[in-house]
Amino acid sequence: MGRRRTSRVFSVVVALLMVCLFAAVGYRAGQIVAPSPADAASTWQSAAANSYSEARLRGYRATYPPAYERGWLAGIAAADTAGAGMGRAAGRARAAARAVAARALAAVLAATPRTLRRGVRTEMCVPVAGGLCEVLGPHVTGRPCPPGSVAYAEGGEVCLPRILLLISRTDK
């Protein structure tokens, strides 16, 4: 039994020496390969720069399409709002112009006699839509148009009231 005990102690001592030897070799290898603080800082900075640019690119790819769509929709909404406001303003302006023209036409019509004088020949006119009759123009009669009217630009065969020309210009 004495011999067995000696071999056990020897085995334990050899195992402890091996552990210490491996620890010493590992420590020494770490000392040899250890970078200087400047190398470590440089490596850290380059890694940070690479990861930042990659993260920035990935973030841009992930966020650009939804942000673009939100901006596009906001632009459409703003344009619709502005267009609606401008349309309402144009409608009010056109309604005001028509009201002015209607008042002028009413004033002209109020000043015209309701009954024709003797000797006026009504067959000397051109019937148009709505039961209206336009006076024959200087091309046909050889006489100038009545006051408050002008010869029709295409041929001068009929005379048009100036108020109708005013209304037709405001409708465009």
N, C-alpha and C. Protein backbone atom coordinates (compact mmCIF):
# COMPACT_ATOMS: atom_id res chain seq x y z
N MET A 1 0.81 -1.19 0.00
CA MET A 1 0.00 0.00 0.00
C MET A 1 0.85 1.25 0.00
N GLY A 2 2.00 1.19 0.48
CA GLY A 2 2.85 2.36 0.56
C GLY A 2 3.27 2.83 -0.82
N ARG A 3 3.45 1.82 -1.68
CA ARG A 3 3.87 2.18 -3.02
C ARG A 3 2.72 2.84 -3.79
N ARG A 4 1.54 2.40 -3.59
CA ARG A 4 0.39 2.97 -4.26
C ARG A 4 0.16 4.42 -3.80
N ARG A 5 0.36 4.66 -2.58
CA ARG A 5 0.16 6.01 -2.06
C ARG A 5 1.20 6.95 -2.66
N THR A 6 2.39 6.53 -2.85
CA THR A 6 3.44 7.35 -3.41
C THR A 6 3.10 7.66 -4.87
N SER A 7 2.56 6.70 -5.58
CA SER A 7 2.21 6.95 -6.98
C SER A 7 1.03 7.94 -7.09
N ARG A 8 0.14 7.88 -6.11
CA ARG A 8 -0.98 8.83 -6.12
C ARG A 8 -0.49 10.24 -5.85
N VAL A 9 0.37 10.39 -4.92
CA VAL A 9 0.92 11.71 -4.58
C VAL A 9 1.70 12.22 -5.79
N PHE A 10 2.45 11.32 -6.39
CA PHE A 10 3.23 11.70 -7.56
C PHE A 10 2.30 12.14 -8.71
N SER A 11 1.20 11.43 -8.90
CA SER A 11 0.23 11.76 -9.95
C SER A 11 -0.40 13.13 -9.67
N VAL A 12 -0.71 13.38 -8.42
CA VAL A 12 -1.30 14.66 -8.07
C VAL A 12 -0.29 15.77 -8.30
N VAL A 13 0.96 15.56 -7.94
CA VAL A 13 1.99 16.58 -8.13
C VAL A 13 2.20 16.83 -9.63
N VAL A 14 2.22 15.77 -10.42
CA VAL A 14 2.41 15.92 -11.88
C VAL A 14 1.20 16.69 -12.47
N ALA A 15 0.01 16.36 -12.01
CA ALA A 15 -1.18 17.05 -12.51
C ALA A 15 -1.13 18.53 -12.14
N LEU A 16 -0.71 18.86 -10.92
CA LEU A 16 -0.60 20.26 -10.52
C LEU A 16 0.48 20.98 -11.33
N LEU A 17 1.59 20.29 -11.57
CA LEU A 17 2.64 20.92 -12.38
C LEU A 17 2.16 21.17 -13.81
N MET A 18 1.40 20.24 -14.35
CA MET A 18 0.88 20.41 -15.72
C MET A 18 -0.10 21.60 -15.79
N VAL A 19 -0.96 21.72 -14.79
CA VAL A 19 -1.89 22.83 -14.77
C VAL A 19 -1.13 24.15 -14.68
N CYS A 20 -0.14 24.21 -13.82
CA CYS A 20 0.64 25.44 -13.68
C CYS A 20 1.41 25.74 -14.96
N LEU A 21 1.95 24.68 -15.58
CA LEU A 21 2.69 24.86 -16.82
C LEU A 21 1.79 25.40 -17.93
N PHE A 22 0.60 24.83 -18.08
CA PHE A 22 -0.34 25.32 -19.10
C PHE A 22 -0.76 26.76 -18.80
N ALA A 23 -0.95 27.08 -17.53
CA ALA A 23 -1.33 28.44 -17.16
C ALA A 23 -0.21 29.41 -17.49
N ALA A 24 1.03 29.02 -17.22
CA ALA A 24 2.17 29.89 -17.50
C ALA A 24 2.34 30.07 -19.00
N VAL A 25 2.19 28.99 -19.76
CA VAL A 25 2.33 29.09 -21.22
C VAL A 25 1.21 29.96 -21.79
N GLY A 26 -0.02 29.81 -21.33
CA GLY A 26 -1.14 30.63 -21.79
C GLY A 26 -0.95 32.10 -21.46
N TYR A 27 -0.46 32.36 -20.25
CA TYR A 27 -0.21 33.74 -19.84
C TYR A 27 0.85 34.37 -20.73
N ARG A 28 1.91 33.62 -20.99
CA ARG A 28 3.01 34.14 -21.79
C ARG A 28 2.55 34.37 -23.24
N ALA A 29 1.77 33.46 -23.76
CA ALA A 29 1.27 33.62 -25.13
C ALA A 29 0.37 34.85 -25.20
N GLY A 30 -0.42 35.09 -24.18
CA GLY A 30 -1.26 36.28 -24.15
C GLY A 30 -0.44 37.55 -24.10
N GLN A 31 0.69 37.51 -23.43
CA GLN A 31 1.57 38.66 -23.34
C GLN A 31 2.23 38.97 -24.68
N ILE A 32 2.55 37.93 -25.39
CA ILE A 32 3.24 38.12 -26.67
C ILE A 32 2.26 38.68 -27.71
N VAL A 33 1.01 38.20 -27.75
CA VAL A 33 0.04 38.57 -28.77
C VAL A 33 -0.73 39.84 -28.39
N ALA A 34 -0.67 40.30 -27.19
CA ALA A 34 -1.45 41.45 -26.72
C ALA A 34 -1.09 42.70 -27.53
N PRO A 35 -2.13 43.40 -28.08
CA PRO A 35 -1.86 44.60 -28.87
C PRO A 35 -1.56 45.79 -27.98
N SER A 36 -0.94 46.78 -28.58
CA SER A 36 -0.66 48.00 -27.84
C SER A 36 -1.96 48.79 -27.72
N PRO A 37 -2.06 49.72 -26.78
CA PRO A 37 -3.27 50.54 -26.65
C PRO A 37 -3.61 51.32 -27.93
N ALA A 38 -2.61 51.75 -28.67
CA ALA A 38 -2.85 52.48 -29.93
C ALA A 38 -3.47 51.56 -30.97
N ASP A 39 -2.95 50.30 -31.05
CA ASP A 39 -3.53 49.33 -31.99
C ASP A 39 -4.97 49.01 -31.62
N ALA A 40 -5.22 48.86 -30.33
CA ALA A 40 -6.57 48.55 -29.87
C ALA A 40 -7.53 49.70 -30.22
N ALA A 41 -7.08 50.94 -30.00
CA ALA A 41 -7.93 52.10 -30.30
C ALA A 41 -8.20 52.19 -31.80
N SER A 42 -7.19 51.96 -32.61
CA SER A 42 -7.36 52.00 -34.07
C SER A 42 -8.33 50.93 -34.54
N THR A 43 -8.17 49.72 -34.00
CA THR A 43 -9.07 48.62 -34.37
C THR A 43 -10.50 48.94 -33.96
N TRP A 44 -10.66 49.50 -32.78
CA TRP A 44 -11.99 49.86 -32.29
C TRP A 44 -12.63 50.92 -33.18
N GLN A 45 -11.86 51.93 -33.57
CA GLN A 45 -12.40 53.00 -34.41
C GLN A 45 -12.80 52.49 -35.79
N SER A 46 -11.98 51.65 -36.39
CA SER A 46 -12.33 51.13 -37.72
C SER A 46 -13.56 50.23 -37.65
N ALA A 47 -13.67 49.43 -36.59
CA ALA A 47 -14.85 48.59 -36.43
C ALA A 47 -16.10 49.45 -36.23
N ALA A 48 -15.97 50.51 -35.43
CA ALA A 48 -17.11 51.40 -35.19
C ALA A 48 -17.52 52.10 -36.48
N ALA A 49 -16.56 52.54 -37.30
CA ALA A 49 -16.87 53.22 -38.55
C ALA A 49 -17.57 52.26 -39.52
N ASN A 50 -17.06 51.04 -39.62
CA ASN A 50 -17.68 50.06 -40.53
C ASN A 50 -19.09 49.72 -40.09
N SER A 51 -19.27 49.51 -38.79
CA SER A 51 -20.60 49.14 -38.32
C SER A 51 -21.56 50.33 -38.44
N TYR A 52 -21.07 51.56 -38.25
CA TYR A 52 -21.94 52.72 -38.39
C TYR A 52 -22.43 52.88 -39.83
N SER A 53 -21.51 52.78 -40.80
CA SER A 53 -21.93 52.97 -42.19
C SER A 53 -22.88 51.86 -42.62
N GLU A 54 -22.65 50.65 -42.17
CA GLU A 54 -23.54 49.54 -42.52
C GLU A 54 -24.91 49.73 -41.86
N ALA A 55 -24.92 50.14 -40.61
CA ALA A 55 -26.19 50.36 -39.91
C ALA A 55 -26.94 51.53 -40.54
N ARG A 56 -26.22 52.55 -40.93
CA ARG A 56 -26.85 53.70 -41.58
C ARG A 56 -27.50 53.30 -42.90
N LEU A 57 -26.78 52.52 -43.70
CA LEU A 57 -27.32 52.06 -44.98
C LEU A 57 -28.56 51.19 -44.77
N ARG A 58 -28.50 50.28 -43.83
CA ARG A 58 -29.65 49.41 -43.56
C ARG A 58 -30.83 50.22 -43.02
N GLY A 59 -30.56 51.17 -42.16
CA GLY A 59 -31.61 52.02 -41.63
C GLY A 59 -32.27 52.85 -42.73
N TYR A 60 -31.47 53.37 -43.65
CA TYR A 60 -32.00 54.15 -44.77
C TYR A 60 -32.89 53.28 -45.63
N ARG A 61 -32.44 52.07 -45.94
CA ARG A 61 -33.23 51.16 -46.76
C ARG A 61 -34.54 50.79 -46.08
N ALA A 62 -34.53 50.69 -44.78
CA ALA A 62 -35.73 50.29 -44.05
C ALA A 62 -36.71 51.45 -43.88
N THR A 63 -36.22 52.68 -43.76
CA THR A 63 -37.10 53.80 -43.44
C THR A 63 -37.46 54.67 -44.62
N TYR A 64 -36.72 54.63 -45.71
CA TYR A 64 -37.00 55.53 -46.83
C TYR A 64 -38.36 55.29 -47.48
N PRO A 65 -38.72 54.05 -47.87
CA PRO A 65 -40.02 53.87 -48.54
C PRO A 65 -41.22 54.32 -47.71
N PRO A 66 -41.33 53.96 -46.42
CA PRO A 66 -42.50 54.46 -45.68
C PRO A 66 -42.50 55.98 -45.50
N ALA A 67 -41.31 56.54 -45.30
CA ALA A 67 -41.24 58.00 -45.14
C ALA A 67 -41.61 58.70 -46.44
N TYR A 68 -41.15 58.16 -47.56
CA TYR A 68 -41.49 58.73 -48.86
C TYR A 68 -42.99 58.68 -49.09
N GLU A 69 -43.61 57.55 -48.75
CA GLU A 69 -45.05 57.40 -48.95
C GLU A 69 -45.82 58.39 -48.06
N ARG A 70 -45.39 58.53 -46.80
CA ARG A 70 -46.07 59.48 -45.91
C ARG A 70 -45.93 60.90 -46.45
N GLY A 71 -44.75 61.26 -46.93
CA GLY A 71 -44.55 62.59 -47.51
C GLY A 71 -45.38 62.80 -48.75
N TRP A 72 -45.44 61.78 -49.60
CA TRP A 72 -46.25 61.86 -50.82
C TRP A 72 -47.72 62.09 -50.48
N LEU A 73 -48.24 61.32 -49.52
CA LEU A 73 -49.64 61.46 -49.14
C LEU A 73 -49.91 62.83 -48.50
N ALA A 74 -48.95 63.32 -47.71
CA ALA A 74 -49.12 64.65 -47.11
C ALA A 74 -49.13 65.72 -48.20
N GLY A 75 -48.29 65.57 -49.22
CA GLY A 75 -48.27 66.51 -50.33
C GLY A 75 -49.57 66.49 -51.11
N ILE A 76 -50.11 65.30 -51.33
CA ILE A 76 -51.39 65.19 -52.04
C ILE A 76 -52.50 65.86 -51.24
N ALA A 77 -52.51 65.64 -49.93
CA ALA A 77 -53.54 66.24 -49.08
C ALA A 77 -53.42 67.77 -49.10
N ALA A 78 -52.19 68.28 -49.03
CA ALA A 78 -52.00 69.73 -49.06
C ALA A 78 -52.43 70.31 -50.41
N ALA A 79 -52.09 69.60 -51.50
CA ALA A 79 -52.48 70.08 -52.83
C ALA A 79 -53.99 70.04 -53.00
N ASP A 80 -54.64 68.99 -52.50
CA ASP A 80 -56.10 68.92 -52.57
C ASP A 80 -56.75 70.07 -51.81
N THR A 81 -56.23 70.35 -50.63
CA THR A 81 -56.78 71.44 -49.82
C THR A 81 -56.59 72.78 -50.53
N ALA A 82 -55.38 73.02 -51.04
CA ALA A 82 -55.11 74.28 -51.73
C ALA A 82 -55.95 74.39 -53.00
N GLY A 83 -56.05 73.30 -53.75
CA GLY A 83 -56.85 73.31 -54.97
C GLY A 83 -58.33 73.55 -54.70
N ALA A 84 -58.83 72.95 -53.64
CA ALA A 84 -60.24 73.16 -53.29
C ALA A 84 -60.48 74.63 -52.92
N GLY A 85 -59.56 75.19 -52.18
CA GLY A 85 -59.70 76.61 -51.81
C GLY A 85 -59.65 77.51 -53.03
N MET A 86 -58.73 77.22 -53.95
CA MET A 86 -58.64 78.03 -55.17
C MET A 86 -59.87 77.84 -56.06
N GLY A 87 -60.38 76.61 -56.08
CA GLY A 87 -61.59 76.36 -56.86
C GLY A 87 -62.79 77.12 -56.30
N ARG A 88 -62.90 77.13 -54.97
CA ARG A 88 -63.99 77.90 -54.36
C ARG A 88 -63.85 79.39 -54.67
N ALA A 89 -62.61 79.90 -54.60
CA ALA A 89 -62.38 81.32 -54.90
C ALA A 89 -62.72 81.63 -56.36
N ALA A 90 -62.32 80.74 -57.28
CA ALA A 90 -62.64 80.96 -58.69
C ALA A 90 -64.14 80.89 -58.92
N GLY A 91 -64.81 79.98 -58.23
CA GLY A 91 -66.26 79.88 -58.35
C GLY A 91 -66.95 81.14 -57.86
N ARG A 92 -66.47 81.68 -56.73
CA ARG A 92 -67.06 82.92 -56.22
C ARG A 92 -66.82 84.08 -57.18
N ALA A 93 -65.61 84.13 -57.79
CA ALA A 93 -65.30 85.21 -58.74
C ALA A 93 -66.19 85.09 -59.97
N ARG A 94 -66.36 83.87 -60.48
CA ARG A 94 -67.21 83.67 -61.66
C ARG A 94 -68.67 84.01 -61.33
N ALA A 95 -69.13 83.61 -60.15
CA ALA A 95 -70.51 83.93 -59.75
C ALA A 95 -70.69 85.44 -59.63
N ALA A 96 -69.68 86.13 -59.10
CA ALA A 96 -69.77 87.58 -58.98
C ALA A 96 -69.81 88.24 -60.36
N ALA A 97 -68.99 87.74 -61.30
CA ALA A 97 -68.99 88.31 -62.66
C ALA A 97 -70.33 88.07 -63.34
N ARG A 98 -70.88 86.88 -63.16
CA ARG A 98 -72.19 86.59 -63.75
C ARG A 98 -73.28 87.47 -63.12
N ALA A 99 -73.18 87.71 -61.82
CA ALA A 99 -74.17 88.57 -61.16
C ALA A 99 -74.09 89.99 -61.71
N VAL A 100 -72.87 90.49 -61.91
CA VAL A 100 -72.70 91.84 -62.48
C VAL A 100 -73.29 91.88 -63.88
N ALA A 101 -73.00 90.84 -64.68
CA ALA A 101 -73.52 90.79 -66.06
C ALA A 101 -75.05 90.68 -66.04
N ALA A 102 -75.59 89.90 -65.12
CA ALA A 102 -77.04 89.76 -65.04
C ALA A 102 -77.69 91.08 -64.64
N ARG A 103 -77.08 91.81 -63.70
CA ARG A 103 -77.62 93.11 -63.31
C ARG A 103 -77.57 94.10 -64.49
N ALA A 104 -76.47 94.07 -65.25
CA ALA A 104 -76.37 94.95 -66.42
C ALA A 104 -77.41 94.59 -67.46
N LEU A 105 -77.61 93.29 -67.70
CA LEU A 105 -78.62 92.85 -68.65
C LEU A 105 -80.01 93.26 -68.19
N ALA A 106 -80.28 93.11 -66.90
CA ALA A 106 -81.58 93.51 -66.37
C ALA A 106 -81.79 95.00 -66.54
N ALA A 107 -80.74 95.79 -66.36
CA ALA A 107 -80.86 97.25 -66.53
C ALA A 107 -81.14 97.59 -67.99
N VAL A 108 -80.48 96.90 -68.91
CA VAL A 108 -80.70 97.15 -70.34
C VAL A 108 -82.11 96.73 -70.73
N LEU A 109 -82.52 95.56 -70.25
CA LEU A 109 -83.85 95.08 -70.60
C LEU A 109 -84.94 95.95 -69.99
N ALA A 110 -84.69 96.51 -68.83
CA ALA A 110 -85.68 97.39 -68.19
C ALA A 110 -85.83 98.68 -68.99
N ALA A 111 -84.75 99.12 -69.66
CA ALA A 111 -84.79 100.37 -70.42
C ALA A 111 -85.43 100.18 -71.79
N THR A 112 -85.57 98.96 -72.28
CA THR A 112 -86.16 98.74 -73.60
C THR A 112 -87.67 98.79 -73.51
N PRO A 113 -88.32 99.33 -74.54
CA PRO A 113 -89.78 99.41 -74.50
C PRO A 113 -90.40 98.02 -74.62
N ARG A 114 -91.59 97.88 -74.01
CA ARG A 114 -92.25 96.59 -74.04
C ARG A 114 -93.14 96.44 -75.27
N THR A 115 -93.57 97.52 -75.78
CA THR A 115 -94.40 97.47 -76.99
C THR A 115 -93.64 98.11 -78.12
N LEU A 116 -93.82 97.58 -79.27
CA LEU A 116 -93.12 98.12 -80.43
C LEU A 116 -93.84 99.34 -80.97
N ARG A 117 -93.09 100.28 -81.50
CA ARG A 117 -93.67 101.47 -82.10
C ARG A 117 -94.30 101.12 -83.44
N ARG A 118 -95.13 101.98 -83.90
CA ARG A 118 -95.74 101.78 -85.21
C ARG A 118 -94.69 101.83 -86.30
N GLY A 119 -94.88 101.00 -87.23
CA GLY A 119 -94.00 101.01 -88.38
C GLY A 119 -92.78 100.11 -88.23
N VAL A 120 -92.56 99.53 -87.07
CA VAL A 120 -91.42 98.63 -86.88
C VAL A 120 -91.80 97.28 -87.45
N ARG A 121 -90.96 96.80 -88.31
CA ARG A 121 -91.24 95.52 -88.95
C ARG A 121 -90.45 94.43 -88.25
N THR A 122 -91.14 93.52 -87.64
CA THR A 122 -90.47 92.45 -86.90
C THR A 122 -89.94 91.35 -87.80
N GLU A 123 -90.41 91.28 -89.02
CA GLU A 123 -89.90 90.25 -89.89
C GLU A 123 -88.50 90.57 -90.40
N MET A 124 -87.97 91.70 -90.02
CA MET A 124 -86.63 92.10 -90.42
C MET A 124 -85.59 91.62 -89.40
N CYS A 125 -85.77 90.40 -88.89
CA CYS A 125 -84.80 89.87 -87.93
C CYS A 125 -84.58 88.39 -88.20
N VAL A 126 -83.55 87.86 -87.53
CA VAL A 126 -83.20 86.45 -87.68
C VAL A 126 -83.59 85.74 -86.39
N PRO A 127 -84.51 84.75 -86.45
CA PRO A 127 -84.89 84.04 -85.21
C PRO A 127 -83.75 83.16 -84.72
N VAL A 128 -83.54 83.17 -83.40
CA VAL A 128 -82.52 82.33 -82.77
C VAL A 128 -83.18 81.51 -81.67
N ALA A 129 -82.42 80.67 -81.00
CA ALA A 129 -82.96 79.79 -79.96
C ALA A 129 -83.60 80.58 -78.84
N GLY A 130 -84.62 79.99 -78.22
CA GLY A 130 -85.28 80.60 -77.08
C GLY A 130 -86.30 81.65 -77.48
N GLY A 131 -86.68 81.73 -78.74
CA GLY A 131 -87.68 82.70 -79.18
C GLY A 131 -87.14 84.10 -79.37
N LEU A 132 -85.83 84.27 -79.32
CA LEU A 132 -85.23 85.59 -79.52
C LEU A 132 -85.08 85.86 -81.01
N CYS A 133 -84.99 87.13 -81.33
CA CYS A 133 -84.85 87.54 -82.72
C CYS A 133 -83.75 88.60 -82.77
N GLU A 134 -82.76 88.39 -83.59
CA GLU A 134 -81.66 89.34 -83.70
C GLU A 134 -81.87 90.23 -84.92
N VAL A 135 -81.57 91.50 -84.74
CA VAL A 135 -81.76 92.50 -85.79
C VAL A 135 -80.78 92.22 -86.92
N LEU A 136 -81.26 92.43 -88.15
CA LEU A 136 -80.38 92.25 -89.30
C LEU A 136 -79.29 93.30 -89.27
N GLY A 137 -78.10 92.88 -89.68
CA GLY A 137 -76.94 93.75 -89.58
C GLY A 137 -76.67 94.58 -90.81
N PRO A 138 -75.59 95.36 -90.77
CA PRO A 138 -75.27 96.27 -91.85
C PRO A 138 -74.95 95.56 -93.18
N HIS A 139 -74.57 94.34 -93.13
CA HIS A 139 -74.26 93.61 -94.36
C HIS A 139 -75.54 93.37 -95.17
N VAL A 140 -76.64 93.17 -94.47
CA VAL A 140 -77.91 92.89 -95.14
C VAL A 140 -78.67 94.18 -95.43
N THR A 141 -78.76 95.05 -94.42
CA THR A 141 -79.61 96.25 -94.54
C THR A 141 -78.88 97.46 -95.11
N GLY A 142 -77.56 97.48 -94.97
CA GLY A 142 -76.81 98.65 -95.41
C GLY A 142 -76.86 99.77 -94.40
N ARG A 143 -77.51 99.58 -93.26
CA ARG A 143 -77.60 100.60 -92.21
C ARG A 143 -76.78 100.13 -91.01
N PRO A 144 -76.34 101.06 -90.15
CA PRO A 144 -75.58 100.65 -88.96
C PRO A 144 -76.48 99.94 -87.95
N CYS A 145 -75.85 99.20 -87.04
CA CYS A 145 -76.59 98.51 -85.99
C CYS A 145 -77.21 99.52 -85.03
N PRO A 146 -78.31 99.16 -84.35
CA PRO A 146 -78.92 100.09 -83.39
C PRO A 146 -77.98 100.38 -82.22
N PRO A 147 -78.25 101.45 -81.49
CA PRO A 147 -77.39 101.77 -80.34
C PRO A 147 -77.38 100.62 -79.33
N GLY A 148 -76.22 100.37 -78.72
CA GLY A 148 -76.08 99.31 -77.71
C GLY A 148 -75.84 97.95 -78.33
N SER A 149 -75.58 97.89 -79.65
CA SER A 149 -75.30 96.61 -80.29
C SER A 149 -74.19 96.79 -81.30
N VAL A 150 -73.58 95.67 -81.67
CA VAL A 150 -72.48 95.68 -82.64
C VAL A 150 -72.75 94.59 -83.67
N ALA A 151 -72.15 94.75 -84.85
CA ALA A 151 -72.31 93.76 -85.91
C ALA A 151 -71.57 92.49 -85.53
N TYR A 152 -72.17 91.35 -85.84
CA TYR A 152 -71.54 90.06 -85.56
C TYR A 152 -70.27 89.97 -86.39
N ALA A 153 -69.21 89.48 -85.76
CA ALA A 153 -67.89 89.49 -86.39
C ALA A 153 -67.83 88.66 -87.67
N GLU A 154 -68.59 87.61 -87.76
CA GLU A 154 -68.53 86.75 -88.94
C GLU A 154 -69.57 87.19 -89.96
N GLY A 155 -69.21 88.13 -90.77
CA GLY A 155 -70.08 88.54 -91.88
C GLY A 155 -70.92 89.76 -91.61
N GLY A 156 -71.25 90.08 -90.39
CA GLY A 156 -72.06 91.26 -90.07
C GLY A 156 -73.51 91.14 -90.51
N GLU A 157 -74.03 89.92 -90.58
CA GLU A 157 -75.41 89.73 -91.03
C GLU A 157 -76.42 90.05 -89.95
N VAL A 158 -76.02 89.95 -88.67
CA VAL A 158 -76.91 90.29 -87.57
C VAL A 158 -76.19 91.21 -86.61
N CYS A 159 -76.96 91.92 -85.80
CA CYS A 159 -76.40 92.79 -84.76
C CYS A 159 -76.61 92.11 -83.40
N LEU A 160 -75.56 92.09 -82.59
CA LEU A 160 -75.63 91.47 -81.27
C LEU A 160 -75.59 92.55 -80.19
N PRO A 161 -76.42 92.43 -79.15
CA PRO A 161 -76.34 93.38 -78.05
C PRO A 161 -74.97 93.27 -77.36
N ARG A 162 -74.42 94.39 -76.97
CA ARG A 162 -73.09 94.39 -76.34
C ARG A 162 -73.09 93.62 -75.02
N ILE A 163 -74.21 93.63 -74.34
CA ILE A 163 -74.29 92.93 -73.06
C ILE A 163 -74.10 91.43 -73.24
N LEU A 164 -74.60 90.89 -74.37
CA LEU A 164 -74.40 89.46 -74.63
C LEU A 164 -72.93 89.16 -74.87
N LEU A 165 -72.23 90.06 -75.55
CA LEU A 165 -70.80 89.88 -75.75
C LEU A 165 -70.05 89.92 -74.42
N LEU A 166 -70.49 90.83 -73.54
CA LEU A 166 -69.88 90.92 -72.22
C LEU A 166 -70.08 89.63 -71.44
N ILE A 167 -71.30 89.08 -71.48
CA ILE A 167 -71.60 87.84 -70.76
C ILE A 167 -70.78 86.70 -71.34
N SER A 168 -70.67 86.63 -72.68
CA SER A 168 -69.91 85.53 -73.28
C SER A 168 -68.44 85.61 -72.93
N ARG A 169 -67.91 86.80 -72.74
CA ARG A 169 -66.49 86.95 -72.36
C ARG A 169 -66.26 86.54 -70.91
N THR A 170 -67.21 86.81 -70.02
CA THR A 170 -67.02 86.45 -68.61
C THR A 170 -67.20 84.96 -68.38
N ASP A 171 -67.88 84.25 -69.28
CA ASP A 171 -68.07 82.81 -69.12
C ASP A 171 -66.83 82.02 -69.50
N LYS A 172 -65.88 82.62 -70.15
CA LYS A 172 -64.68 81.88 -70.60
C LYS A 172 -63.64 81.82 -69.55
